[in-house]
């Protein structure tokens, strides 16, 4: 995966999105419904109704990038809120993209203090 610069804010667009939208349609959605600037360098993540596809919109400084992913099995874990945004950390975004429940990750081994 392409790694965004340190400090980049990551937002899940709550609710569902029409996945037929492309660069311009998602950028307009960011401006009108999320009240944010799609050219700010922040990352915006959108999900379709069935939950098996997402799109990620990101301005990298040179142009808009649009990434899409479809899970062959399972669904992307999405927040229950229907409007606005939910903030994610880069680690949570990584888990989301892998189809892992980013809200309650469970360690497989105890965390050892050094």
PDB file of N, CA and C in Angstrom:
ATOM      1  N   UNK A   1       0.832  -1.177   0.000  1.00  0.00           N
ATOM      2  CA  UNK A   1       0.000   0.000   0.000  1.00  0.00           C
ATOM      3  C   UNK A   1       0.875   1.238   0.000  1.00  0.00           C
ATOM      4  N   UNK A   2       0.414   2.286  -0.608  1.00  0.00           N
ATOM      5  CA  UNK A   2       1.110   3.554  -0.599  1.00  0.00           C
ATOM      6  C   UNK A   2       0.937   4.178   0.781  1.00  0.00           C
ATOM      7  N   UNK A   3       2.019   4.638   1.370  1.00  0.00           N
ATOM      8  CA  UNK A   3       1.979   5.173   2.724  1.00  0.00           C
ATOM      9  C   UNK A   3       1.842   6.693   2.660  1.00  0.00           C
ATOM     10  N   UNK A   4       0.791   7.233   3.275  1.00  0.00           N
ATOM     11  CA  UNK A   4       0.637   8.693   3.298  1.00  0.00           C
ATOM     12  C   UNK A   4       1.645   9.322   4.259  1.00  0.00           C
ATOM     13  N   UNK A   5       1.917  10.614   4.104  1.00  0.00           N
ATOM     14  CA  UNK A   5       2.861  11.287   4.999  1.00  0.00           C
ATOM     15  C   UNK A   5       2.404  11.248   6.452  1.00  0.00           C
ATOM     16  N   UNK A   6       3.363  11.343   7.373  1.00  0.00           N
ATOM     17  CA  UNK A   6       3.062  11.359   8.792  1.00  0.00           C
ATOM     18  C   UNK A   6       2.108  12.513   9.102  1.00  0.00           C
ATOM     19  N   UNK A   7       1.129  12.243   9.931  1.00  0.00           N
ATOM     20  CA  UNK A   7       0.179  13.276  10.336  1.00  0.00           C
ATOM     21  C   UNK A   7      -1.039  13.411   9.440  1.00  0.00           C
ATOM     22  N   UNK A   8      -1.110  12.608   8.397  1.00  0.00           N
ATOM     23  CA  UNK A   8      -2.272  12.663   7.511  1.00  0.00           C
ATOM     24  C   UNK A   8      -3.506  12.188   8.263  1.00  0.00           C
ATOM     25  N   UNK A   9      -4.573  12.951   8.204  1.00  0.00           N
ATOM     26  CA  UNK A   9      -5.828  12.570   8.867  1.00  0.00           C
ATOM     27  C   UNK A   9      -6.597  11.624   7.954  1.00  0.00           C
ATOM     28  N   UNK A  10      -7.220  10.628   8.554  1.00  0.00           N
ATOM     29  CA  UNK A  10      -7.962   9.605   7.813  1.00  0.00           C
ATOM     30  C   UNK A  10      -9.395   9.610   8.317  1.00  0.00           C
ATOM     31  N   UNK A  11     -10.346   9.691   7.395  1.00  0.00           N
ATOM     32  CA  UNK A  11     -11.757   9.778   7.745  1.00  0.00           C
ATOM     33  C   UNK A  11     -12.569   8.723   7.029  1.00  0.00           C
ATOM     34  N   UNK A  12     -13.439   8.043   7.758  1.00  0.00           N
ATOM     35  CA  UNK A  12     -14.448   7.167   7.165  1.00  0.00           C
ATOM     36  C   UNK A  12     -15.688   8.025   6.954  1.00  0.00           C
ATOM     37  N   UNK A  13     -16.215   8.012   5.745  1.00  0.00           N
ATOM     38  CA  UNK A  13     -17.479   8.690   5.477  1.00  0.00           C
ATOM     39  C   UNK A  13     -18.592   7.752   5.945  1.00  0.00           C
ATOM     40  N   UNK A  14     -19.256   8.125   7.027  1.00  0.00           N
ATOM     41  CA  UNK A  14     -20.296   7.273   7.613  1.00  0.00           C
ATOM     42  C   UNK A  14     -21.428   7.057   6.615  1.00  0.00           C
ATOM     43  N   UNK A  15     -22.133   5.953   6.782  1.00  0.00           N
ATOM     44  CA  UNK A  15     -23.230   5.621   5.875  1.00  0.00           C
ATOM     45  C   UNK A  15     -22.721   4.896   4.647  1.00  0.00           C
ATOM     46  N   UNK A  16     -23.530   4.933   3.595  1.00  0.00           N
ATOM     47  CA  UNK A  16     -23.179   4.226   2.358  1.00  0.00           C
ATOM     48  C   UNK A  16     -22.993   5.229   1.228  1.00  0.00           C
ATOM     49  N   UNK A  17     -22.254   4.809   0.207  1.00  0.00           N
ATOM     50  CA  UNK A  17     -21.947   5.670  -0.928  1.00  0.00           C
ATOM     51  C   UNK A  17     -22.192   4.908  -2.216  1.00  0.00           C
ATOM     52  N   UNK A  18     -22.693   5.610  -3.219  1.00  0.00           N
ATOM     53  CA  UNK A  18     -22.868   5.041  -4.547  1.00  0.00           C
ATOM     54  C   UNK A  18     -21.481   4.833  -5.154  1.00  0.00           C
ATOM     55  N   UNK A  19     -21.079   3.589  -5.367  1.00  0.00           N
ATOM     56  CA  UNK A  19     -19.736   3.281  -5.849  1.00  0.00           C
ATOM     57  C   UNK A  19     -19.547   3.594  -7.333  1.00  0.00           C
ATOM     58  N   UNK A  20     -20.580   4.081  -7.996  1.00  0.00           N
ATOM     59  CA  UNK A  20     -20.406   4.521  -9.383  1.00  0.00           C
ATOM     60  C   UNK A  20     -19.705   5.871  -9.434  1.00  0.00           C
ATOM     61  N   UNK A  21     -19.598   6.545  -8.299  1.00  0.00           N
ATOM     62  CA  UNK A  21     -18.919   7.842  -8.241  1.00  0.00           C
ATOM     63  C   UNK A  21     -17.426   7.665  -8.464  1.00  0.00           C
ATOM     64  N   UNK A  22     -16.864   8.609  -9.179  1.00  0.00           N
ATOM     65  CA  UNK A  22     -15.430   8.613  -9.432  1.00  0.00           C
ATOM     66  C   UNK A  22     -14.760   9.752  -8.696  1.00  0.00           C
ATOM     67  N   UNK A  23     -13.645  10.238  -9.241  1.00  0.00           N
ATOM     68  CA  UNK A  23     -12.886  11.320  -8.625  1.00  0.00           C
ATOM     69  C   UNK A  23     -13.768  12.524  -8.294  1.00  0.00           C
ATOM     70  N   UNK A  24     -14.428  13.051  -9.315  1.00  0.00           N
ATOM     71  CA  UNK A  24     -15.202  14.283  -9.147  1.00  0.00           C
ATOM     72  C   UNK A  24     -16.414  14.088  -8.251  1.00  0.00           C
ATOM     73  N   UNK A  25     -17.116  12.977  -8.397  1.00  0.00           N
ATOM     74  CA  UNK A  25     -18.299  12.722  -7.588  1.00  0.00           C
ATOM     75  C   UNK A  25     -17.967  12.561  -6.118  1.00  0.00           C
ATOM     76  N   UNK A  26     -16.874  11.846  -5.807  1.00  0.00           N
ATOM     77  CA  UNK A  26     -16.472  11.674  -4.411  1.00  0.00           C
ATOM     78  C   UNK A  26     -15.917  12.972  -3.829  1.00  0.00           C
ATOM     79  N   UNK A  27     -15.184  13.739  -4.637  1.00  0.00           N
ATOM     80  CA  UNK A  27     -14.675  15.029  -4.163  1.00  0.00           C
ATOM     81  C   UNK A  27     -15.838  15.970  -3.843  1.00  0.00           C
ATOM     82  N   UNK A  28     -16.867  15.963  -4.682  1.00  0.00           N
ATOM     83  CA  UNK A  28     -18.050  16.790  -4.423  1.00  0.00           C
ATOM     84  C   UNK A  28     -18.755  16.323  -3.153  1.00  0.00           C
ATOM     85  N   UNK A  29     -18.814  15.021  -2.932  1.00  0.00           N
ATOM     86  CA  UNK A  29     -19.423  14.471  -1.718  1.00  0.00           C
ATOM     87  C   UNK A  29     -18.655  14.918  -0.464  1.00  0.00           C
ATOM     88  N   UNK A  30     -17.342  14.920  -0.544  1.00  0.00           N
ATOM     89  CA  UNK A  30     -16.511  15.384   0.571  1.00  0.00           C
ATOM     90  C   UNK A  30     -16.840  16.842   0.884  1.00  0.00           C
ATOM     91  N   UNK A  31     -16.977  17.660  -0.155  1.00  0.00           N
ATOM     92  CA  UNK A  31     -17.249  19.088   0.049  1.00  0.00           C
ATOM     93  C   UNK A  31     -18.655  19.341   0.576  1.00  0.00           C
ATOM     94  N   UNK A  32     -19.647  18.725  -0.020  1.00  0.00           N
ATOM     95  CA  UNK A  32     -21.032  19.053   0.313  1.00  0.00           C
ATOM     96  C   UNK A  32     -21.550  18.338   1.558  1.00  0.00           C
ATOM     97  N   UNK A  33     -21.298  17.056   1.692  1.00  0.00           N
ATOM     98  CA  UNK A  33     -21.869  16.314   2.813  1.00  0.00           C
ATOM     99  C   UNK A  33     -20.937  16.229   4.019  1.00  0.00           C
ATOM    100  N   UNK A  34     -19.626  16.178   3.777  1.00  0.00           N
ATOM    101  CA  UNK A  34     -18.685  16.054   4.896  1.00  0.00           C
ATOM    102  C   UNK A  34     -18.117  17.403   5.319  1.00  0.00           C
ATOM    103  N   UNK A  35     -18.404  18.457   4.534  1.00  0.00           N
ATOM    104  CA  UNK A  35     -17.923  19.809   4.836  1.00  0.00           C
ATOM    105  C   UNK A  35     -16.410  19.835   5.017  1.00  0.00           C
ATOM    106  N   UNK A  36     -15.700  19.163   4.104  1.00  0.00           N
ATOM    107  CA  UNK A  36     -14.241  19.105   4.170  1.00  0.00           C
ATOM    108  C   UNK A  36     -13.667  19.422   2.798  1.00  0.00           C
ATOM    109  N   UNK A  37     -12.378  19.660   2.756  1.00  0.00           N
ATOM    110  CA  UNK A  37     -11.680  19.975   1.518  1.00  0.00           C
ATOM    111  C   UNK A  37     -11.011  18.711   0.974  1.00  0.00           C
ATOM    112  N   UNK A  38     -11.460  18.206  -0.183  1.00  0.00           N
ATOM    113  CA  UNK A  38     -10.853  16.983  -0.723  1.00  0.00           C
ATOM    114  C   UNK A  38      -9.408  17.180  -1.173  1.00  0.00           C
ATOM    115  N   UNK A  39      -8.954  18.431  -1.296  1.00  0.00           N
ATOM    116  CA  UNK A  39      -7.592  18.729  -1.733  1.00  0.00           C
ATOM    117  C   UNK A  39      -6.683  19.103  -0.561  1.00  0.00           C
ATOM    118  N   UNK A  40      -7.065  18.701   0.639  1.00  0.00           N
ATOM    119  CA  UNK A  40      -6.317  19.051   1.853  1.00  0.00           C
ATOM    120  C   UNK A  40      -5.219  18.044   2.195  1.00  0.00           C
ATOM    121  N   UNK A  41      -5.184  16.922   1.517  1.00  0.00           N
ATOM    122  CA  UNK A  41      -4.209  15.880   1.845  1.00  0.00           C
ATOM    123  C   UNK A  41      -4.751  14.852   2.816  1.00  0.00           C
ATOM    124  N   UNK A  42      -5.976  15.061   3.291  1.00  0.00           N
ATOM    125  CA  UNK A  42      -6.603  14.076   4.168  1.00  0.00           C
ATOM    126  C   UNK A  42      -7.099  12.894   3.320  1.00  0.00           C
ATOM    127  N   UNK A  43      -7.321  11.763   3.960  1.00  0.00           N
ATOM    128  CA  UNK A  43      -7.804  10.563   3.274  1.00  0.00           C
ATOM    129  C   UNK A  43      -9.267  10.354   3.647  1.00  0.00           C
ATOM    130  N   UNK A  44     -10.096  10.061   2.637  1.00  0.00           N
ATOM    131  CA  UNK A  44     -11.521   9.825   2.843  1.00  0.00           C
ATOM    132  C   UNK A  44     -11.860   8.435   2.319  1.00  0.00           C
ATOM    133  N   UNK A  45     -12.535   7.635   3.159  1.00  0.00           N
ATOM    134  CA  UNK A  45     -12.857   6.253   2.822  1.00  0.00           C
ATOM    135  C   UNK A  45     -14.378   6.110   2.725  1.00  0.00           C
ATOM    136  N   UNK A  46     -14.844   5.475   1.647  1.00  0.00           N
ATOM    137  CA  UNK A  46     -16.266   5.304   1.380  1.00  0.00           C
ATOM    138  C   UNK A  46     -16.576   3.824   1.190  1.00  0.00           C
ATOM    139  N   UNK A  47     -17.802   3.406   1.576  1.00  0.00           N
ATOM    140  CA  UNK A  47     -18.207   2.009   1.447  1.00  0.00           C
ATOM    141  C   UNK A  47     -19.524   1.893   0.706  1.00  0.00           C
ATOM    142  N   UNK A  48     -19.660   0.826  -0.065  1.00  0.00           N
ATOM    143  CA  UNK A  48     -20.936   0.578  -0.744  1.00  0.00           C
ATOM    144  C   UNK A  48     -21.897  -0.134   0.199  1.00  0.00           C
ATOM    145  N   UNK A  49     -23.145  -0.217  -0.191  1.00  0.00           N
ATOM    146  CA  UNK A  49     -24.217  -0.748   0.661  1.00  0.00           C
ATOM    147  C   UNK A  49     -23.925  -2.173   1.150  1.00  0.00           C
ATOM    148  N   UNK A  50     -23.504  -3.072   0.272  1.00  0.00           N
ATOM    149  CA  UNK A  50     -23.280  -4.468   0.676  1.00  0.00           C
ATOM    150  C   UNK A  50     -22.064  -4.645   1.572  1.00  0.00           C
ATOM    151  N   UNK A  51     -21.176  -3.663   1.592  1.00  0.00           N
ATOM    152  CA  UNK A  51     -20.035  -3.724   2.495  1.00  0.00           C
ATOM    153  C   UNK A  51     -18.840  -4.492   1.979  1.00  0.00           C
ATOM    154  N   UNK A  52     -18.878  -4.942   0.723  1.00  0.00           N
ATOM    155  CA  UNK A  52     -17.752  -5.713   0.202  1.00  0.00           C
ATOM    156  C   UNK A  52     -16.783  -4.870  -0.627  1.00  0.00           C
ATOM    157  N   UNK A  53     -17.108  -3.586  -0.848  1.00  0.00           N
ATOM    158  CA  UNK A  53     -16.250  -2.706  -1.640  1.00  0.00           C
ATOM    159  C   UNK A  53     -16.088  -1.367  -0.948  1.00  0.00           C
ATOM    160  N   UNK A  54     -14.853  -0.843  -1.056  1.00  0.00           N
ATOM    161  CA  UNK A  54     -14.594   0.505  -0.555  1.00  0.00           C
ATOM    162  C   UNK A  54     -13.799   1.275  -1.599  1.00  0.00           C
ATOM    163  N   UNK A  55     -13.853   2.591  -1.482  1.00  0.00           N
ATOM    164  CA  UNK A  55     -13.020   3.491  -2.276  1.00  0.00           C
ATOM    165  C   UNK A  55     -12.352   4.465  -1.323  1.00  0.00           C
ATOM    166  N   UNK A  56     -11.108   4.799  -1.645  1.00  0.00           N
ATOM    167  CA  UNK A  56     -10.316   5.711  -0.839  1.00  0.00           C
ATOM    168  C   UNK A  56      -9.898   6.879  -1.725  1.00  0.00           C
ATOM    169  N   UNK A  57     -10.220   8.104  -1.299  1.00  0.00           N
ATOM    170  CA  UNK A  57      -9.873   9.312  -2.041  1.00  0.00           C
ATOM    171  C   UNK A  57      -8.801  10.067  -1.265  1.00  0.00           C
ATOM    172  N   UNK A  58      -7.717  10.454  -1.964  1.00  0.00           N
ATOM    173  CA  UNK A  58      -6.602  11.126  -1.312  1.00  0.00           C
ATOM    174  C   UNK A  58      -5.926  12.069  -2.282  1.00  0.00           C
ATOM    175  N   UNK A  59      -5.687  13.296  -1.852  1.00  0.00           N
ATOM    176  CA  UNK A  59      -4.909  14.271  -2.615  1.00  0.00           C
ATOM    177  C   UNK A  59      -3.463  14.136  -2.164  1.00  0.00           C
ATOM    178  N   UNK A  60      -2.567  13.742  -3.069  1.00  0.00           N
ATOM    179  CA  UNK A  60      -1.169  13.497  -2.675  1.00  0.00           C
ATOM    180  C   UNK A  60      -0.266  14.701  -2.924  1.00  0.00           C
ATOM    181  N   UNK A  61      -0.843  15.826  -3.312  1.00  0.00           N
ATOM    182  CA  UNK A  61      -0.063  17.024  -3.588  1.00  0.00           C
ATOM    183  C   UNK A  61       0.069  17.298  -5.068  1.00  0.00           C
ATOM    184  N   UNK A  62      -0.028  16.261  -5.887  1.00  0.00           N
ATOM    185  CA  UNK A  62       0.052  16.406  -7.339  1.00  0.00           C
ATOM    186  C   UNK A  62      -1.289  16.194  -8.016  1.00  0.00           C
ATOM    187  N   UNK A  63      -2.149  15.407  -7.404  1.00  0.00           N
ATOM    188  CA  UNK A  63      -3.447  15.101  -7.985  1.00  0.00           C
ATOM    189  C   UNK A  63      -4.238  14.198  -7.058  1.00  0.00           C
ATOM    190  N   UNK A  64      -5.503  13.994  -7.413  1.00  0.00           N
ATOM    191  CA  UNK A  64      -6.350  13.102  -6.626  1.00  0.00           C
ATOM    192  C   UNK A  64      -6.014  11.656  -6.947  1.00  0.00           C
ATOM    193  N   UNK A  65      -5.935  10.839  -5.916  1.00  0.00           N
ATOM    194  CA  UNK A  65      -5.736   9.402  -6.063  1.00  0.00           C
ATOM    195  C   UNK A  65      -7.033   8.722  -5.643  1.00  0.00           C
ATOM    196  N   UNK A  66      -7.449   7.737  -6.402  1.00  0.00           N
ATOM    197  CA  UNK A  66      -8.652   6.983  -6.074  1.00  0.00           C
ATOM    198  C   UNK A  66      -8.290   5.507  -6.057  1.00  0.00           C
ATOM    199  N   UNK A  67      -8.387   4.902  -4.868  1.00  0.00           N
ATOM    200  CA  UNK A  67      -8.083   3.490  -4.696  1.00  0.00           C
ATOM    201  C   UNK A  67      -9.387   2.748  -4.424  1.00  0.00           C
ATOM    202  N   UNK A  68      -9.492   1.556  -4.961  1.00  0.00           N
ATOM    203  CA  UNK A  68     -10.686   0.736  -4.733  1.00  0.00           C
ATOM    204  C   UNK A  68     -10.250  -0.654  -4.304  1.00  0.00           C
ATOM    205  N   UNK A  69     -11.066  -1.273  -3.437  1.00  0.00           N
ATOM    206  CA  UNK A  69     -10.794  -2.644  -3.028  1.00  0.00           C
ATOM    207  C   UNK A  69     -12.100  -3.390  -2.868  1.00  0.00           C
ATOM    208  N   UNK A  70     -12.098  -4.632  -3.321  1.00  0.00           N
ATOM    209  CA  UNK A  70     -13.253  -5.525  -3.163  1.00  0.00           C
ATOM    210  C   UNK A  70     -12.790  -6.754  -2.407  1.00  0.00           C
ATOM    211  N   UNK A  71     -13.512  -7.087  -1.333  1.00  0.00           N
ATOM    212  CA  UNK A  71     -13.221  -8.314  -0.601  1.00  0.00           C
ATOM    213  C   UNK A  71     -13.942  -9.473  -1.278  1.00  0.00           C
ATOM    214  N   UNK A  72     -13.249 -10.550  -1.491  1.00  0.00           N
ATOM    215  CA  UNK A  72     -13.860 -11.727  -2.095  1.00  0.00           C
ATOM    216  C   UNK A  72     -14.740 -12.469  -1.091  1.00  0.00           C
ATOM    217  N   UNK A  73     -14.367 -12.384   0.188  1.00  0.00           N
ATOM    218  CA  UNK A  73     -15.151 -13.015   1.260  1.00  0.00           C
ATOM    219  C   UNK A  73     -15.220 -12.028   2.414  1.00  0.00           C
ATOM    220  N   UNK A  74     -16.372 -11.933   3.037  1.00  0.00           N
ATOM    221  CA  UNK A  74     -16.526 -11.044   4.183  1.00  0.00           C
ATOM    222  C   UNK A  74     -16.924  -9.637   3.781  1.00  0.00           C
ATOM    223  N   UNK A  75     -16.934  -8.763   4.788  1.00  0.00           N
ATOM    224  CA  UNK A  75     -17.328  -7.372   4.591  1.00  0.00           C
ATOM    225  C   UNK A  75     -16.382  -6.460   5.354  1.00  0.00           C
ATOM    226  N   UNK A  76     -16.287  -5.231   4.884  1.00  0.00           N
ATOM    227  CA  UNK A  76     -15.517  -4.222   5.590  1.00  0.00           C
ATOM    228  C   UNK A  76     -16.310  -3.786   6.811  1.00  0.00           C
ATOM    229  N   UNK A  77     -15.637  -3.693   7.958  1.00  0.00           N
ATOM    230  CA  UNK A  77     -16.291  -3.282   9.201  1.00  0.00           C
ATOM    231  C   UNK A  77     -16.497  -1.776   9.145  1.00  0.00           C
ATOM    232  N   UNK A  78     -17.732  -1.352   9.398  1.00  0.00           N
ATOM    233  CA  UNK A  78     -18.107   0.052   9.260  1.00  0.00           C
ATOM    234  C   UNK A  78     -18.777   0.537  10.524  1.00  0.00           C
ATOM    235  N   UNK A  79     -18.587   1.808  10.890  1.00  0.00           N
ATOM    236  CA  UNK A  79     -19.252   2.330  12.095  1.00  0.00           C
ATOM    237  C   UNK A  79     -20.767   2.386  11.916  1.00  0.00           C
ATOM    238  N   UNK A  80     -21.498   2.377  13.033  1.00  0.00           N
ATOM    239  CA  UNK A  80     -22.949   2.372  13.006  1.00  0.00           C
ATOM    240  C   UNK A  80     -23.555   3.729  12.693  1.00  0.00           C
ATOM    241  N   UNK A  81     -22.795   4.809  12.822  1.00  0.00           N
ATOM    242  CA  UNK A  81     -23.334   6.140  12.549  1.00  0.00           C
ATOM    243  C   UNK A  81     -23.685   6.267  11.067  1.00  0.00           C
ATOM    244  N   UNK A  82     -24.677   7.100  10.758  1.00  0.00           N
ATOM    245  CA  UNK A  82     -25.147   7.212   9.378  1.00  0.00           C
ATOM    246  C   UNK A  82     -24.777   8.531   8.713  1.00  0.00           C
ATOM    247  N   UNK A  83     -24.268   9.498   9.479  1.00  0.00           N
ATOM    248  CA  UNK A  83     -23.904  10.795   8.920  1.00  0.00           C
ATOM    249  C   UNK A  83     -22.555  11.246   9.470  1.00  0.00           C
ATOM    250  N   UNK A  84     -21.864  12.075   8.708  1.00  0.00           N
ATOM    251  CA  UNK A  84     -20.602  12.626   9.169  1.00  0.00           C
ATOM    252  C   UNK A  84     -19.425  11.710   8.913  1.00  0.00           C
ATOM    253  N   UNK A  85     -18.407  11.859   9.762  1.00  0.00           N
ATOM    254  CA  UNK A  85     -17.179  11.091   9.581  1.00  0.00           C
ATOM    255  C   UNK A  85     -16.737  10.454  10.896  1.00  0.00           C
ATOM    256  N   UNK A  86     -15.876   9.462  10.763  1.00  0.00           N
ATOM    257  CA  UNK A  86     -15.243   8.812  11.903  1.00  0.00           C
ATOM    258  C   UNK A  86     -13.746   8.816  11.616  1.00  0.00           C
ATOM    259  N   UNK A  87     -12.944   9.281  12.573  1.00  0.00           N
ATOM    260  CA  UNK A  87     -11.497   9.354  12.394  1.00  0.00           C
ATOM    261  C   UNK A  87     -10.853   7.991  12.608  1.00  0.00           C
ATOM    262  N   UNK A  88      -9.826   7.704  11.814  1.00  0.00           N
ATOM    263  CA  UNK A  88      -9.049   6.470  11.943  1.00  0.00           C
ATOM    264  C   UNK A  88      -7.577   6.801  12.083  1.00  0.00           C
ATOM    265  N   UNK A  89      -6.838   5.898  12.694  1.00  0.00           N
ATOM    266  CA  UNK A  89      -5.379   5.975  12.701  1.00  0.00           C
ATOM    267  C   UNK A  89      -4.874   5.211  11.474  1.00  0.00           C
ATOM    268  N   UNK A  90      -3.627   5.414  11.081  1.00  0.00           N
ATOM    269  CA  UNK A  90      -3.085   4.622   9.970  1.00  0.00           C
ATOM    270  C   UNK A  90      -3.158   3.113  10.236  1.00  0.00           C
ATOM    271  N   UNK A  91      -2.948   2.691  11.487  1.00  0.00           N
ATOM    272  CA  UNK A  91      -3.033   1.261  11.826  1.00  0.00           C
ATOM    273  C   UNK A  91      -4.459   0.754  11.634  1.00  0.00           C
ATOM    274  N   UNK A  92      -5.448   1.543  12.043  1.00  0.00           N
ATOM    275  CA  UNK A  92      -6.850   1.146  11.861  1.00  0.00           C
ATOM    276  C   UNK A  92      -7.203   1.073  10.386  1.00  0.00           C
ATOM    277  N   UNK A  93      -6.698   2.010   9.576  1.00  0.00           N
ATOM    278  CA  UNK A  93      -6.949   1.957   8.133  1.00  0.00           C
ATOM    279  C   UNK A  93      -6.362   0.682   7.545  1.00  0.00           C
ATOM    280  N   UNK A  94      -5.163   0.325   7.968  1.00  0.00           N
ATOM    281  CA  UNK A  94      -4.528  -0.902   7.487  1.00  0.00           C
ATOM    282  C   UNK A  94      -5.381  -2.125   7.820  1.00  0.00           C
ATOM    283  N   UNK A  95      -5.904  -2.167   9.050  1.00  0.00           N
ATOM    284  CA  UNK A  95      -6.767  -3.288   9.445  1.00  0.00           C
ATOM    285  C   UNK A  95      -8.058  -3.289   8.634  1.00  0.00           C
ATOM    286  N   UNK A  96      -8.649  -2.110   8.450  1.00  0.00           N
ATOM    287  CA  UNK A  96      -9.878  -1.998   7.666  1.00  0.00           C
ATOM    288  C   UNK A  96      -9.671  -2.565   6.265  1.00  0.00           C
ATOM    289  N   UNK A  97      -8.567  -2.182   5.633  1.00  0.00           N
ATOM    290  CA  UNK A  97      -8.291  -2.642   4.271  1.00  0.00           C
ATOM    291  C   UNK A  97      -8.068  -4.148   4.189  1.00  0.00           C
ATOM    292  N   UNK A  98      -7.677  -4.762   5.302  1.00  0.00           N
ATOM    293  CA  UNK A  98      -7.476  -6.212   5.345  1.00  0.00           C
ATOM    294  C   UNK A  98      -8.739  -6.963   5.737  1.00  0.00           C
ATOM    295  N   UNK A  99      -9.815  -6.225   6.028  1.00  0.00           N
ATOM    296  CA  UNK A  99     -11.063  -6.872   6.427  1.00  0.00           C
ATOM    297  C   UNK A  99     -11.097  -7.247   7.900  1.00  0.00           C
ATOM    298  N   UNK A 100     -10.203  -6.662   8.699  1.00  0.00           N
ATOM    299  CA  UNK A 100     -10.136  -6.930  10.133  1.00  0.00           C
ATOM    300  C   UNK A 100     -11.010  -5.922  10.865  1.00  0.00           C
ATOM    301  N   UNK A 101     -11.645  -6.345  11.946  1.00  0.00           N
ATOM    302  CA  UNK A 101     -12.450  -5.431  12.751  1.00  0.00           C
ATOM    303  C   UNK A 101     -11.517  -4.466  13.466  1.00  0.00           C
ATOM    304  N   UNK A 102     -11.366  -3.282  12.944  1.00  0.00           N
ATOM    305  CA  UNK A 102     -10.450  -2.275  13.454  1.00  0.00           C
ATOM    306  C   UNK A 102     -10.935  -1.662  14.769  1.00  0.00           C
ATOM    307  N   UNK A 103     -12.201  -1.875  15.124  1.00  0.00           N
ATOM    308  CA  UNK A 103     -12.749  -1.276  16.346  1.00  0.00           C
ATOM    309  C   UNK A 103     -12.295  -2.013  17.595  1.00  0.00           C
ATOM    310  N   UNK A 104     -12.064  -3.337  17.498  1.00  0.00           N
ATOM    311  CA  UNK A 104     -11.670  -4.140  18.652  1.00  0.00           C
ATOM    312  C   UNK A 104     -10.605  -5.158  18.254  1.00  0.00           C
ATOM    313  N   UNK A 105      -9.430  -4.688  17.862  1.00  0.00           N
ATOM    314  CA  UNK A 105      -8.386  -5.664  17.515  1.00  0.00           C
ATOM    315  C   UNK A 105      -7.941  -6.411  18.765  1.00  0.00           C
ATOM    316  N   UNK A 106      -7.669  -7.671  18.607  1.00  0.00           N
ATOM    317  CA  UNK A 106      -7.273  -8.518  19.729  1.00  0.00           C
ATOM    318  C   UNK A 106      -5.853  -9.004  19.489  1.00  0.00           C
ATOM    319  N   UNK A 107      -4.990  -8.795  20.469  1.00  0.00           N
ATOM    320  CA  UNK A 107      -3.615  -9.283  20.371  1.00  0.00           C
ATOM    321  C   UNK A 107      -3.604 -10.800  20.523  1.00  0.00           C
ATOM    322  N   UNK A 108      -2.743 -11.459  19.787  1.00  0.00           N
ATOM    323  CA  UNK A 108      -2.629 -12.906  19.874  1.00  0.00           C
ATOM    324  C   UNK A 108      -1.663 -13.324  20.965  1.00  0.00           C
ATOM    325  N   UNK A 109      -0.829 -12.400  21.423  1.00  0.00           N
ATOM    326  CA  UNK A 109       0.113 -12.675  22.512  1.00  0.00           C
ATOM    327  C   UNK A 109       0.040 -11.522  23.495  1.00  0.00           C
ATOM    328  N   UNK A 110       0.316 -11.784  24.757  1.00  0.00           N
ATOM    329  CA  UNK A 110       0.291 -10.693  25.735  1.00  0.00           C
ATOM    330  C   UNK A 110       1.338  -9.639  25.411  1.00  0.00           C
ATOM    331  N   UNK A 111       1.015  -8.400  25.681  1.00  0.00           N
ATOM    332  CA  UNK A 111       1.934  -7.297  25.469  1.00  0.00           C
ATOM    333  C   UNK A 111       2.956  -7.278  26.601  1.00  0.00           C
ATOM    334  N   UNK A 112       4.235  -7.446  26.260  1.00  0.00           N
ATOM    335  CA  UNK A 112       5.277  -7.500  27.280  1.00  0.00           C
ATOM    336  C   UNK A 112       5.948  -6.128  27.426  1.00  0.00           C
ATOM    337  N   UNK A 113       6.039  -5.667  28.645  1.00  0.00           N
ATOM    338  CA  UNK A 113       6.730  -4.409  28.918  1.00  0.00           C
ATOM    339  C   UNK A 113       8.229  -4.692  29.007  1.00  0.00           C
ATOM    340  N   UNK A 114       9.031  -3.839  28.393  1.00  0.00           N
ATOM    341  CA  UNK A 114      10.481  -4.047  28.401  1.00  0.00           C
ATOM    342  C   UNK A 114      11.117  -3.564  29.660  1.00  0.00           C
TER     343      UNK A 114
END
